[in-house]
Amino acid sequence: MLVSMRKKDLQTLIIECVNSCLANHPNTKGNHREHINKLLTVQDAAKLLHITVPTVYSKVSKGEIPFMKRGKRLYFSQVDLMRYVKGGNYAEDDDPVQFLKKGGE
């Protein structure tokens, strides 16, 4: 069966599927639910951080918060954002993925 779907709807579906898989993974059951690493959209990240969407984009461009980029879309790890909130800052060089994308060794 083939289903026609808009790109935005497909991306939302993928995020929901990943979050569902993480929620049902044996290592995240029981008392470990708070450690589920949800992927968040820009809007979700803004809500979590209690800041505006433009402020999220500003912090991303300055390398102040951890993020992942897939195509033209930004995603945020809930665990990484909570670490950012608890630590009060975020250095992009602390993120090995971003470091490697920049050509680090």
Protein backbone atom coordinates (compact mmCIF):
# COMPACT_ATOMS: atom_id res chain seq x y z
CA MET A 1 0.00 0.00 0.00
CA LEU A 2 1.30 3.46 -0.90
CA VAL A 3 0.29 6.55 1.02
CA SER A 4 0.68 10.10 -0.20
CA MET A 5 1.91 12.43 2.53
CA ARG A 6 3.26 15.96 2.82
CA LYS A 7 6.92 16.29 3.80
CA LYS A 8 6.06 18.01 7.10
CA ASP A 9 3.62 15.23 8.00
CA LEU A 10 6.25 12.59 7.19
CA GLN A 11 8.83 14.33 9.38
CA THR A 12 6.33 14.53 12.24
CA LEU A 13 5.51 10.85 11.80
CA ILE A 14 9.20 9.92 11.89
CA ILE A 15 9.77 11.92 15.09
CA GLU A 16 6.73 10.30 16.72
CA CYS A 17 7.93 6.82 15.68
CA VAL A 18 11.41 7.41 17.06
CA ASN A 19 9.99 8.73 20.32
CA SER A 20 7.63 5.75 20.54
CA CYS A 21 10.50 3.31 19.95
CA LEU A 22 12.59 5.02 22.61
CA ALA A 23 9.68 4.94 25.06
CA ASN A 24 9.22 1.20 24.50
CA HIS A 25 12.91 0.25 24.54
CA PRO A 26 13.77 -2.15 27.40
CA ASN A 27 16.53 0.13 28.68
CA THR A 28 14.09 3.02 29.11
CA LYS A 29 11.29 1.19 30.94
CA GLY A 30 10.42 1.63 34.59
CA ASN A 31 12.43 4.14 36.60
CA HIS A 32 14.52 5.21 33.61
CA ARG A 33 11.71 7.03 31.78
CA GLU A 34 13.19 10.43 32.61
CA HIS A 35 16.25 9.53 30.52
CA ILE A 36 14.33 9.05 27.26
CA ASN A 37 16.10 11.10 24.61
CA LYS A 38 13.26 12.67 22.66
CA LEU A 39 13.94 14.56 19.46
CA LEU A 40 12.40 18.01 19.64
CA THR A 41 11.48 20.52 16.97
CA VAL A 42 12.43 24.20 17.23
CA GLN A 43 9.00 24.94 18.68
CA ASP A 44 9.31 22.13 21.25
CA ALA A 45 12.79 23.32 22.24
CA ALA A 46 11.49 26.86 22.70
CA LYS A 47 8.73 25.60 25.00
CA LEU A 48 11.14 23.43 26.98
CA LEU A 49 13.61 26.31 27.44
CA HIS A 50 10.85 28.90 28.01
CA ILE A 51 12.21 31.14 25.26
CA THR A 52 10.89 32.33 21.91
CA VAL A 53 11.48 30.53 18.62
CA PRO A 54 13.65 33.41 17.28
CA THR A 55 15.79 33.16 20.43
CA VAL A 56 16.29 29.42 19.76
CA TYR A 57 17.50 30.22 16.23
CA SER A 58 19.81 32.91 17.65
CA LYS A 59 21.31 30.50 20.19
CA VAL A 60 21.78 27.88 17.45
CA SER A 61 23.59 30.34 15.17
CA LYS A 62 25.87 31.35 18.05
CA GLY A 63 26.55 27.71 18.96
CA GLU A 64 25.12 28.20 22.43
CA ILE A 65 22.79 25.18 22.43
CA PRO A 66 23.23 21.63 21.11
CA PHE A 67 21.34 20.76 17.93
CA MET A 68 21.21 18.38 15.00
CA LYS A 69 20.47 19.43 11.44
CA ARG A 70 18.81 17.15 8.91
CA GLY A 71 18.29 18.88 5.59
CA LYS A 72 16.81 22.28 6.37
CA ARG A 73 15.27 21.17 9.69
CA LEU A 74 16.75 21.54 13.15
CA TYR A 75 16.24 18.94 15.86
CA PHE A 76 17.18 19.01 19.50
CA SER A 77 17.88 16.22 21.96
CA GLN A 78 15.76 16.67 25.07
CA VAL A 79 18.55 15.16 27.20
CA ASP A 80 21.14 17.56 25.72
CA LEU A 81 18.88 20.56 26.26
CA MET A 82 18.27 19.55 29.87
CA ARG A 83 22.05 19.24 30.32
CA TYR A 84 22.35 22.75 28.84
CA VAL A 85 19.74 24.09 31.28
CA LYS A 86 21.39 22.43 34.28
CA GLY A 87 24.88 23.49 33.24
CA GLY A 88 23.94 27.01 32.32
CA ASN A 89 25.98 27.00 29.13
CA TYR A 90 26.98 24.86 26.20
CA ALA A 91 30.21 24.87 24.29
CA GLU A 92 29.86 23.58 20.74
CA ASP A 93 33.33 22.04 21.00
CA ASP A 94 31.98 19.75 23.74
CA ASP A 95 29.71 18.07 21.18
CA PRO A 96 31.70 15.43 19.29
CA VAL A 97 29.16 15.28 16.45
CA GLN A 98 29.36 19.02 15.76
CA PHE A 99 33.14 18.89 16.20
CA LEU A 100 33.49 16.12 13.59
CA LYS A 101 31.13 17.92 11.18
CA LYS A 102 33.52 20.87 11.29
CA GLY A 103 36.40 18.64 10.33
CA GLY A 104 37.86 18.05 13.79
CA GLU A 105 40.00 15.05 14.57
